[in-house]
Amino acid sequence: MLTFHTMGTSGTMAVNTIMIGLSLALKATAMGLLVAIPCVVMNNVLRRRVSELLTQYRALHGTGH
């Protein structure tokens, strides 16, 4: 976004500037995915474990919820 804003305000169309901006955006996206994917997996694992523990608790204590 910053790259296109800078090009728009300066009125020039530099391919190098576009490529640098796209490269930075792709790197940021890749880093975001590297963080997000393990977080989603761990969230699913923890939710499943909580569900299992709740089921065990309910089976042992006879709650109807």
PDB file of N, CA and C in Angstrom:
ATOM      1  N   MET A   1       0.835  -1.188   0.000  1.00  0.00           N
ATOM      2  CA  MET A   1       0.000   0.000   0.000  1.00  0.00           C
ATOM      3  C   MET A   1       0.878   1.249   0.000  1.00  0.00           C
ATOM      4  N   LEU A   2       1.915   1.195   0.800  1.00  0.00           N
ATOM      5  CA  LEU A   2       2.811   2.347   0.877  1.00  0.00           C
ATOM      6  C   LEU A   2       3.487   2.595  -0.464  1.00  0.00           C
ATOM      7  N   THR A   3       3.850   1.517  -1.147  1.00  0.00           N
ATOM      8  CA  THR A   3       4.505   1.651  -2.452  1.00  0.00           C
ATOM      9  C   THR A   3       3.595   2.356  -3.449  1.00  0.00           C
ATOM     10  N   PHE A   4       2.324   1.918  -3.524  1.00  0.00           N
ATOM     11  CA  PHE A   4       1.403   2.532  -4.481  1.00  0.00           C
ATOM     12  C   PHE A   4       1.052   3.959  -4.079  1.00  0.00           C
ATOM     13  N   HIS A   5       0.999   4.229  -2.806  1.00  0.00           N
ATOM     14  CA  HIS A   5       0.730   5.594  -2.342  1.00  0.00           C
ATOM     15  C   HIS A   5       1.884   6.518  -2.742  1.00  0.00           C
ATOM     16  N   THR A   6       3.112   6.045  -2.542  1.00  0.00           N
ATOM     17  CA  THR A   6       4.284   6.843  -2.903  1.00  0.00           C
ATOM     18  C   THR A   6       4.333   7.091  -4.407  1.00  0.00           C
ATOM     19  N   MET A   7       4.038   6.046  -5.192  1.00  0.00           N
ATOM     20  CA  MET A   7       4.038   6.220  -6.644  1.00  0.00           C
ATOM     21  C   MET A   7       2.936   7.173  -7.076  1.00  0.00           C
ATOM     22  N   GLY A   8       1.790   7.107  -6.428  1.00  0.00           N
ATOM     23  CA  GLY A   8       0.689   7.991  -6.792  1.00  0.00           C
ATOM     24  C   GLY A   8       0.980   9.436  -6.482  1.00  0.00           C
ATOM     25  N   THR A   9       1.613   9.684  -5.355  1.00  0.00           N
ATOM     26  CA  THR A   9       1.912  11.079  -4.991  1.00  0.00           C
ATOM     27  C   THR A   9       3.067  11.635  -5.796  1.00  0.00           C
ATOM     28  N   SER A  10       4.028  10.777  -6.198  1.00  0.00           N
ATOM     29  CA  SER A  10       5.160  11.290  -6.970  1.00  0.00           C
ATOM     30  C   SER A  10       4.850  11.346  -8.463  1.00  0.00           C
ATOM     31  N   GLY A  11       3.890  10.552  -8.918  1.00  0.00           N
ATOM     32  CA  GLY A  11       3.520  10.570 -10.327  1.00  0.00           C
ATOM     33  C   GLY A  11       4.429   9.747 -11.217  1.00  0.00           C
ATOM     34  N   THR A  12       5.304   8.949 -10.642  1.00  0.00           N
ATOM     35  CA  THR A  12       6.206   8.117 -11.442  1.00  0.00           C
ATOM     36  C   THR A  12       5.798   6.655 -11.331  1.00  0.00           C
ATOM     37  N   MET A  13       6.184   5.886 -12.336  1.00  0.00           N
ATOM     38  CA  MET A  13       5.874   4.460 -12.369  1.00  0.00           C
ATOM     39  C   MET A  13       7.197   3.711 -12.447  1.00  0.00           C
ATOM     40  N   ALA A  14       7.729   3.312 -11.294  1.00  0.00           N
ATOM     41  CA  ALA A  14       9.017   2.621 -11.256  1.00  0.00           C
ATOM     42  C   ALA A  14       8.786   1.144 -10.970  1.00  0.00           C
ATOM     43  N   VAL A  15       9.240   0.289 -11.873  1.00  0.00           N
ATOM     44  CA  VAL A  15       9.070  -1.148 -11.731  1.00  0.00           C
ATOM     45  C   VAL A  15       9.833  -1.642 -10.507  1.00  0.00           C
ATOM     46  N   ASN A  16      11.018  -1.117 -10.272  1.00  0.00           N
ATOM     47  CA  ASN A  16      11.799  -1.522  -9.103  1.00  0.00           C
ATOM     48  C   ASN A  16      11.041  -1.251  -7.816  1.00  0.00           C
ATOM     49  N   THR A  17      10.407  -0.119  -7.741  1.00  0.00           N
ATOM     50  CA  THR A  17       9.652   0.242  -6.545  1.00  0.00           C
ATOM     51  C   THR A  17       8.482  -0.705  -6.342  1.00  0.00           C
ATOM     52  N   ILE A  18       7.811  -1.042  -7.427  1.00  0.00           N
ATOM     53  CA  ILE A  18       6.681  -1.975  -7.334  1.00  0.00           C
ATOM     54  C   ILE A  18       7.168  -3.338  -6.853  1.00  0.00           C
ATOM     55  N   MET A  19       8.254  -3.833  -7.421  1.00  0.00           N
ATOM     56  CA  MET A  19       8.775  -5.151  -7.046  1.00  0.00           C
ATOM     57  C   MET A  19       9.229  -5.185  -5.592  1.00  0.00           C
ATOM     58  N   ILE A  20       9.861  -4.132  -5.124  1.00  0.00           N
ATOM     59  CA  ILE A  20      10.287  -4.087  -3.723  1.00  0.00           C
ATOM     60  C   ILE A  20       9.066  -4.094  -2.810  1.00  0.00           C
ATOM     61  N   GLY A  21       8.055  -3.317  -3.157  1.00  0.00           N
ATOM     62  CA  GLY A  21       6.836  -3.284  -2.354  1.00  0.00           C
ATOM     63  C   GLY A  21       6.128  -4.628  -2.331  1.00  0.00           C
ATOM     64  N   LEU A  22       6.045  -5.283  -3.492  1.00  0.00           N
ATOM     65  CA  LEU A  22       5.412  -6.608  -3.549  1.00  0.00           C
ATOM     66  C   LEU A  22       6.221  -7.651  -2.779  1.00  0.00           C
ATOM     67  N   SER A  23       7.518  -7.560  -2.874  1.00  0.00           N
ATOM     68  CA  SER A  23       8.380  -8.485  -2.145  1.00  0.00           C
ATOM     69  C   SER A  23       8.169  -8.346  -0.644  1.00  0.00           C
ATOM     70  N   LEU A  24       8.107  -7.125  -0.152  1.00  0.00           N
ATOM     71  CA  LEU A  24       7.878  -6.904   1.274  1.00  0.00           C
ATOM     72  C   LEU A  24       6.500  -7.400   1.696  1.00  0.00           C
ATOM     73  N   ALA A  25       5.508  -7.194   0.850  1.00  0.00           N
ATOM     74  CA  ALA A  25       4.157  -7.655   1.170  1.00  0.00           C
ATOM     75  C   ALA A  25       4.101  -9.180   1.217  1.00  0.00           C
ATOM     76  N   LEU A  26       4.772  -9.840   0.285  1.00  0.00           N
ATOM     77  CA  LEU A  26       4.791 -11.306   0.276  1.00  0.00           C
ATOM     78  C   LEU A  26       5.533 -11.863   1.486  1.00  0.00           C
ATOM     79  N   LYS A  27       6.607 -11.204   1.886  1.00  0.00           N
ATOM     80  CA  LYS A  27       7.343 -11.643   3.078  1.00  0.00           C
ATOM     81  C   LYS A  27       6.480 -11.490   4.325  1.00  0.00           C
ATOM     82  N   ALA A  28       5.769 -10.388   4.418  1.00  0.00           N
ATOM     83  CA  ALA A  28       4.886 -10.176   5.570  1.00  0.00           C
ATOM     84  C   ALA A  28       3.768 -11.214   5.600  1.00  0.00           C
ATOM     85  N   THR A  29       3.228 -11.540   4.435  1.00  0.00           N
ATOM     86  CA  THR A  29       2.181 -12.564   4.349  1.00  0.00           C
ATOM     87  C   THR A  29       2.716 -13.930   4.766  1.00  0.00           C
ATOM     88  N   ALA A  30       3.897 -14.270   4.298  1.00  0.00           N
ATOM     89  CA  ALA A  30       4.500 -15.557   4.650  1.00  0.00           C
ATOM     90  C   ALA A  30       4.750 -15.641   6.152  1.00  0.00           C
ATOM     91  N   MET A  31       5.239 -14.588   6.744  1.00  0.00           N
ATOM     92  CA  MET A  31       5.486 -14.583   8.191  1.00  0.00           C
ATOM     93  C   MET A  31       4.169 -14.702   8.956  1.00  0.00           C
ATOM     94  N   GLY A  32       3.155 -14.044   8.472  1.00  0.00           N
ATOM     95  CA  GLY A  32       1.842 -14.150   9.109  1.00  0.00           C
ATOM     96  C   GLY A  32       1.302 -15.568   9.064  1.00  0.00           C
ATOM     97  N   LEU A  33       1.486 -16.238   7.931  1.00  0.00           N
ATOM     98  CA  LEU A  33       1.045 -17.631   7.811  1.00  0.00           C
ATOM     99  C   LEU A  33       1.858 -18.558   8.701  1.00  0.00           C
ATOM    100  N   LEU A  34       3.153 -18.289   8.832  1.00  0.00           N
ATOM    101  CA  LEU A  34       3.994 -19.107   9.710  1.00  0.00           C
ATOM    102  C   LEU A  34       3.550 -19.011  11.165  1.00  0.00           C
ATOM    103  N   VAL A  35       2.992 -17.894  11.523  1.00  0.00           N
ATOM    104  CA  VAL A  35       2.494 -17.721  12.893  1.00  0.00           C
ATOM    105  C   VAL A  35       1.064 -18.257  13.008  1.00  0.00           C
ATOM    106  N   ALA A  36       0.232 -17.977  12.036  1.00  0.00           N
ATOM    107  CA  ALA A  36      -1.197 -18.294  12.126  1.00  0.00           C
ATOM    108  C   ALA A  36      -1.490 -19.792  12.046  1.00  0.00           C
ATOM    109  N   ILE A  37      -0.831 -20.501  11.169  1.00  0.00           N
ATOM    110  CA  ILE A  37      -1.150 -21.924  10.976  1.00  0.00           C
ATOM    111  C   ILE A  37      -0.891 -22.741  12.241  1.00  0.00           C
ATOM    112  N   PRO A  38       0.281 -22.624  12.887  1.00  0.00           N
ATOM    113  CA  PRO A  38       0.462 -23.371  14.139  1.00  0.00           C
ATOM    114  C   PRO A  38      -0.523 -22.949  15.232  1.00  0.00           C
ATOM    115  N   CYS A  39      -0.892 -21.692  15.261  1.00  0.00           N
ATOM    116  CA  CYS A  39      -1.862 -21.226  16.255  1.00  0.00           C
ATOM    117  C   CYS A  39      -3.231 -21.870  16.032  1.00  0.00           C
ATOM    118  N   VAL A  40      -3.656 -21.979  14.800  1.00  0.00           N
ATOM    119  CA  VAL A  40      -4.946 -22.611  14.499  1.00  0.00           C
ATOM    120  C   VAL A  40      -4.905 -24.089  14.866  1.00  0.00           C
ATOM    121  N   VAL A  41      -3.802 -24.749  14.547  1.00  0.00           N
ATOM    122  CA  VAL A  41      -3.663 -26.172  14.878  1.00  0.00           C
ATOM    123  C   VAL A  41      -3.710 -26.359  16.390  1.00  0.00           C
ATOM    124  N   MET A  42      -2.955 -25.561  17.140  1.00  0.00           N
ATOM    125  CA  MET A  42      -2.946 -25.691  18.592  1.00  0.00           C
ATOM    126  C   MET A  42      -4.315 -25.360  19.185  1.00  0.00           C
ATOM    127  N   ASN A  43      -4.995 -24.391  18.622  1.00  0.00           N
ATOM    128  CA  ASN A  43      -6.339 -24.049  19.083  1.00  0.00           C
ATOM    129  C   ASN A  43      -7.267 -25.256  18.926  1.00  0.00           C
ATOM    130  N   ASN A  44      -7.195 -25.909  17.790  1.00  0.00           N
ATOM    131  CA  ASN A  44      -8.035 -27.091  17.554  1.00  0.00           C
ATOM    132  C   ASN A  44      -7.676 -28.231  18.501  1.00  0.00           C
ATOM    133  N   VAL A  45      -6.387 -28.441  18.737  1.00  0.00           N
ATOM    134  CA  VAL A  45      -5.948 -29.495  19.653  1.00  0.00           C
ATOM    135  C   VAL A  45      -6.468 -29.214  21.062  1.00  0.00           C
ATOM    136  N   LEU A  46      -6.306 -27.974  21.521  1.00  0.00           N
ATOM    137  CA  LEU A  46      -6.750 -27.619  22.869  1.00  0.00           C
ATOM    138  C   LEU A  46      -8.263 -27.702  23.011  1.00  0.00           C
ATOM    139  N   ARG A  47      -8.993 -27.258  21.999  1.00  0.00           N
ATOM    140  CA  ARG A  47     -10.455 -27.355  22.061  1.00  0.00           C
ATOM    141  C   ARG A  47     -10.912 -28.814  22.134  1.00  0.00           C
ATOM    142  N   ARG A  48     -10.246 -29.659  21.344  1.00  0.00           N
ATOM    143  CA  ARG A  48     -10.603 -31.086  21.380  1.00  0.00           C
ATOM    144  C   ARG A  48     -10.315 -31.677  22.751  1.00  0.00           C
ATOM    145  N   ARG A  49      -9.171 -31.325  23.333  1.00  0.00           N
ATOM    146  CA  ARG A  49      -8.808 -31.852  24.646  1.00  0.00           C
ATOM    147  C   ARG A  49      -9.789 -31.380  25.717  1.00  0.00           C
ATOM    148  N   VAL A  50     -10.183 -30.120  25.669  1.00  0.00           N
ATOM    149  CA  VAL A  50     -11.171 -29.603  26.619  1.00  0.00           C
ATOM    150  C   VAL A  50     -12.490 -30.349  26.461  1.00  0.00           C
ATOM    151  N   SER A  51     -12.893 -30.583  25.219  1.00  0.00           N
ATOM    152  CA  SER A  51     -14.127 -31.320  24.964  1.00  0.00           C
ATOM    153  C   SER A  51     -14.048 -32.733  25.538  1.00  0.00           C
ATOM    154  N   GLU A  52     -12.910 -33.385  25.355  1.00  0.00           N
ATOM    155  CA  GLU A  52     -12.726 -34.732  25.900  1.00  0.00           C
ATOM    156  C   GLU A  52     -12.782 -34.725  27.424  1.00  0.00           C
ATOM    157  N   LEU A  53     -12.118 -33.758  28.042  1.00  0.00           N
ATOM    158  CA  LEU A  53     -12.122 -33.676  29.505  1.00  0.00           C
ATOM    159  C   LEU A  53     -13.522 -33.401  30.048  1.00  0.00           C
ATOM    160  N   LEU A  54     -14.270 -32.537  29.364  1.00  0.00           N
ATOM    161  CA  LEU A  54     -15.643 -32.252  29.787  1.00  0.00           C
ATOM    162  C   LEU A  54     -16.525 -33.500  29.669  1.00  0.00           C
ATOM    163  N   THR A  55     -16.335 -34.255  28.616  1.00  0.00           N
ATOM    164  CA  THR A  55     -17.102 -35.487  28.431  1.00  0.00           C
ATOM    165  C   THR A  55     -16.782 -36.487  29.534  1.00  0.00           C
ATOM    166  N   GLN A  56     -15.504 -36.625  29.859  1.00  0.00           N
ATOM    167  CA  GLN A  56     -15.108 -37.526  30.943  1.00  0.00           C
ATOM    168  C   GLN A  56     -15.693 -37.070  32.282  1.00  0.00           C
ATOM    169  N   TYR A  57     -15.633 -35.783  32.540  1.00  0.00           N
ATOM    170  CA  TYR A  57     -16.159 -35.233  33.788  1.00  0.00           C
ATOM    171  C   TYR A  57     -17.666 -35.500  33.907  1.00  0.00           C
ATOM    172  N   ARG A  58     -18.358 -35.243  32.820  1.00  0.00           N
ATOM    173  CA  ARG A  58     -19.805 -35.454  32.817  1.00  0.00           C
ATOM    174  C   ARG A  58     -20.162 -36.929  32.985  1.00  0.00           C
ATOM    175  N   ALA A  59     -19.367 -37.803  32.391  1.00  0.00           N
ATOM    176  CA  ALA A  59     -19.614 -39.241  32.534  1.00  0.00           C
ATOM    177  C   ALA A  59     -19.378 -39.698  33.972  1.00  0.00           C
ATOM    178  N   LEU A  60     -18.372 -39.159  34.613  1.00  0.00           N
ATOM    179  CA  LEU A  60     -18.052 -39.550  35.991  1.00  0.00           C
ATOM    180  C   LEU A  60     -19.016 -38.948  37.009  1.00  0.00           C
ATOM    181  N   HIS A  61     -19.468 -37.720  36.760  1.00  0.00           N
ATOM    182  CA  HIS A  61     -20.280 -37.010  37.739  1.00  0.00           C
ATOM    183  C   HIS A  61     -21.772 -37.025  37.397  1.00  0.00           C
ATOM    184  N   GLY A  62     -22.119 -37.582  36.281  1.00  0.00           N
ATOM    185  CA  GLY A  62     -23.523 -37.751  35.933  1.00  0.00           C
ATOM    186  C   GLY A  62     -24.285 -36.470  35.681  1.00  0.00           C
ATOM    187  N   THR A  63     -23.609 -35.428  35.229  1.00  0.00           N
ATOM    188  CA  THR A  63     -24.330 -34.195  34.894  1.00  0.00           C
ATOM    189  C   THR A  63     -24.955 -34.335  33.523  1.00  0.00           C
ATOM    190  N   GLY A  64     -26.121 -33.755  33.377  1.00  0.00           N
ATOM    191  CA  GLY A  64     -26.861 -33.902  32.122  1.00  0.00           C
ATOM    192  C   GLY A  64     -26.627 -32.766  31.143  1.00  0.00           C
ATOM    193  N   HIS A  65     -25.667 -31.923  31.358  1.00  0.00           N
ATOM    194  CA  HIS A  65     -25.448 -30.777  30.469  1.00  0.00           C
ATOM    195  C   HIS A  65     -24.612 -31.156  29.307  1.00  0.00           C
TER     196      HIS A  65
END
